[in-house]
Amino acid sequence: MGLMTLLEGFLLLANALAILNEDRFLAPRGWSLSEFSVGRTKSVKGQIIGLIYATQYLRVPLVLLNTVCIVLKLISG
């Protein structure tokens, strides 16, 4: 397993987190950002919810990274 494969795996994970819908998936399971108060964001669950919302916020750079990854795969074969 090379570095490129590891980076592609992290990119796929970021894509998976970016497409999670708050209304249909996160809120019914209690993972909505609005349900957490400021003090509870220090917990592991709060940190994961923050990571999910950060990846959803950064969708445009994620699209660019996906494009770069696809181009590199096409060039390298």
C-alpha atoms as a PDB file:
ATOM      1  CA  MET A   1       0.000   0.000   0.000  1.00  0.00           C
ATOM      2  CA  GLY A   2       1.531   3.225  -1.144  1.00  0.00           C
ATOM      3  CA  LEU A   3       1.082   6.820  -0.115  1.00  0.00           C
ATOM      4  CA  MET A   4      -1.245   7.521  -3.042  1.00  0.00           C
ATOM      5  CA  THR A   5      -3.534   4.661  -2.029  1.00  0.00           C
ATOM      6  CA  LEU A   6      -3.659   5.971   1.537  1.00  0.00           C
ATOM      7  CA  LEU A   7      -4.477   9.488   0.337  1.00  0.00           C
ATOM      8  CA  GLU A   8      -7.207   8.120  -1.929  1.00  0.00           C
ATOM      9  CA  GLY A   9      -8.692   6.294   1.053  1.00  0.00           C
ATOM     10  CA  PHE A  10      -8.816   9.515   3.078  1.00  0.00           C
ATOM     11  CA  LEU A  11     -10.373  11.290   0.110  1.00  0.00           C
ATOM     12  CA  LEU A  12     -13.065   8.615  -0.144  1.00  0.00           C
ATOM     13  CA  LEU A  13     -13.756   8.967   3.585  1.00  0.00           C
ATOM     14  CA  ALA A  14     -14.062  12.748   3.227  1.00  0.00           C
ATOM     15  CA  ASN A  15     -16.470  12.231   0.308  1.00  0.00           C
ATOM     16  CA  ALA A  16     -18.572   9.872   2.404  1.00  0.00           C
ATOM     17  CA  LEU A  17     -18.782  12.398   5.245  1.00  0.00           C
ATOM     18  CA  ALA A  18     -19.584  15.267   2.872  1.00  0.00           C
ATOM     19  CA  ILE A  19     -22.692  13.635   1.412  1.00  0.00           C
ATOM     20  CA  LEU A  20     -24.401  12.815   4.718  1.00  0.00           C
ATOM     21  CA  ASN A  21     -27.743  14.609   4.880  1.00  0.00           C
ATOM     22  CA  GLU A  22     -28.547  16.219   8.218  1.00  0.00           C
ATOM     23  CA  ASP A  23     -32.337  15.986   7.957  1.00  0.00           C
ATOM     24  CA  ARG A  24     -32.534  12.421   6.688  1.00  0.00           C
ATOM     25  CA  PHE A  25     -29.583  10.754   8.389  1.00  0.00           C
ATOM     26  CA  LEU A  26     -27.912  12.757  11.151  1.00  0.00           C
ATOM     27  CA  ALA A  27     -30.827  14.378  13.026  1.00  0.00           C
ATOM     28  CA  PRO A  28     -32.880  11.191  13.609  1.00  0.00           C
ATOM     29  CA  ARG A  29     -29.818   9.574  15.191  1.00  0.00           C
ATOM     30  CA  GLY A  30     -29.059  12.538  17.464  1.00  0.00           C
ATOM     31  CA  TRP A  31     -26.007  13.678  15.508  1.00  0.00           C
ATOM     32  CA  SER A  32     -27.296  17.135  14.588  1.00  0.00           C
ATOM     33  CA  LEU A  33     -25.093  20.127  15.316  1.00  0.00           C
ATOM     34  CA  SER A  34     -28.055  22.076  16.698  1.00  0.00           C
ATOM     35  CA  GLU A  35     -28.554  19.495  19.468  1.00  0.00           C
ATOM     36  CA  PHE A  36     -25.106  20.095  20.957  1.00  0.00           C
ATOM     37  CA  SER A  37     -24.339  22.906  23.337  1.00  0.00           C
ATOM     38  CA  VAL A  38     -20.991  24.676  23.411  1.00  0.00           C
ATOM     39  CA  GLY A  39     -19.638  22.668  26.349  1.00  0.00           C
ATOM     40  CA  ARG A  40     -20.488  19.271  24.869  1.00  0.00           C
ATOM     41  CA  THR A  41     -18.465  19.756  21.694  1.00  0.00           C
ATOM     42  CA  LYS A  42     -15.326  18.606  23.548  1.00  0.00           C
ATOM     43  CA  SER A  43     -16.577  15.021  23.637  1.00  0.00           C
ATOM     44  CA  VAL A  44     -15.649  12.452  21.004  1.00  0.00           C
ATOM     45  CA  LYS A  45     -19.166  12.547  19.554  1.00  0.00           C
ATOM     46  CA  GLY A  46     -18.996  16.343  19.378  1.00  0.00           C
ATOM     47  CA  GLN A  47     -15.636  16.196  17.618  1.00  0.00           C
ATOM     48  CA  ILE A  48     -16.967  13.710  15.041  1.00  0.00           C
ATOM     49  CA  ILE A  49     -20.008  15.904  14.395  1.00  0.00           C
ATOM     50  CA  GLY A  50     -17.676  18.873  13.930  1.00  0.00           C
ATOM     51  CA  LEU A  51     -15.620  16.860  11.438  1.00  0.00           C
ATOM     52  CA  ILE A  52     -18.758  15.914   9.493  1.00  0.00           C
ATOM     53  CA  TYR A  53     -19.897  19.534   9.272  1.00  0.00           C
ATOM     54  CA  ALA A  54     -16.396  20.703   8.315  1.00  0.00           C
ATOM     55  CA  THR A  55     -16.296  18.290   5.378  1.00  0.00           C
ATOM     56  CA  GLN A  56     -19.776  19.381   4.313  1.00  0.00           C
ATOM     57  CA  TYR A  57     -18.658  23.004   4.420  1.00  0.00           C
ATOM     58  CA  LEU A  58     -15.574  22.317   2.282  1.00  0.00           C
ATOM     59  CA  ARG A  59     -17.305  20.640  -0.660  1.00  0.00           C
ATOM     60  CA  VAL A  60     -15.760  22.844  -3.358  1.00  0.00           C
ATOM     61  CA  PRO A  61     -12.141  22.023  -2.376  1.00  0.00           C
ATOM     62  CA  LEU A  62     -13.216  18.387  -2.134  1.00  0.00           C
ATOM     63  CA  VAL A  63     -14.453  18.482  -5.734  1.00  0.00           C
ATOM     64  CA  LEU A  64     -11.119  19.960  -6.795  1.00  0.00           C
ATOM     65  CA  LEU A  65      -9.185  17.247  -4.934  1.00  0.00           C
ATOM     66  CA  ASN A  66     -11.333  14.592  -6.596  1.00  0.00           C
ATOM     67  CA  THR A  67     -10.596  16.121  -9.993  1.00  0.00           C
ATOM     68  CA  VAL A  68      -6.852  16.160  -9.307  1.00  0.00           C
ATOM     69  CA  CYS A  69      -6.992  12.548  -8.139  1.00  0.00           C
ATOM     70  CA  ILE A  70      -8.850  11.451 -11.273  1.00  0.00           C
ATOM     71  CA  VAL A  71      -6.409  13.289 -13.547  1.00  0.00           C
ATOM     72  CA  LEU A  72      -3.432  11.734 -11.753  1.00  0.00           C
ATOM     73  CA  LYS A  73      -4.970   8.277 -12.109  1.00  0.00           C
ATOM     74  CA  LEU A  74      -5.552   8.839 -15.834  1.00  0.00           C
ATOM     75  CA  ILE A  75      -1.992  10.070 -16.386  1.00  0.00           C
ATOM     76  CA  SER A  76      -0.263   7.385 -14.339  1.00  0.00           C
ATOM     77  CA  GLY A  77      -2.397   4.562 -15.623  1.00  0.00           C
END
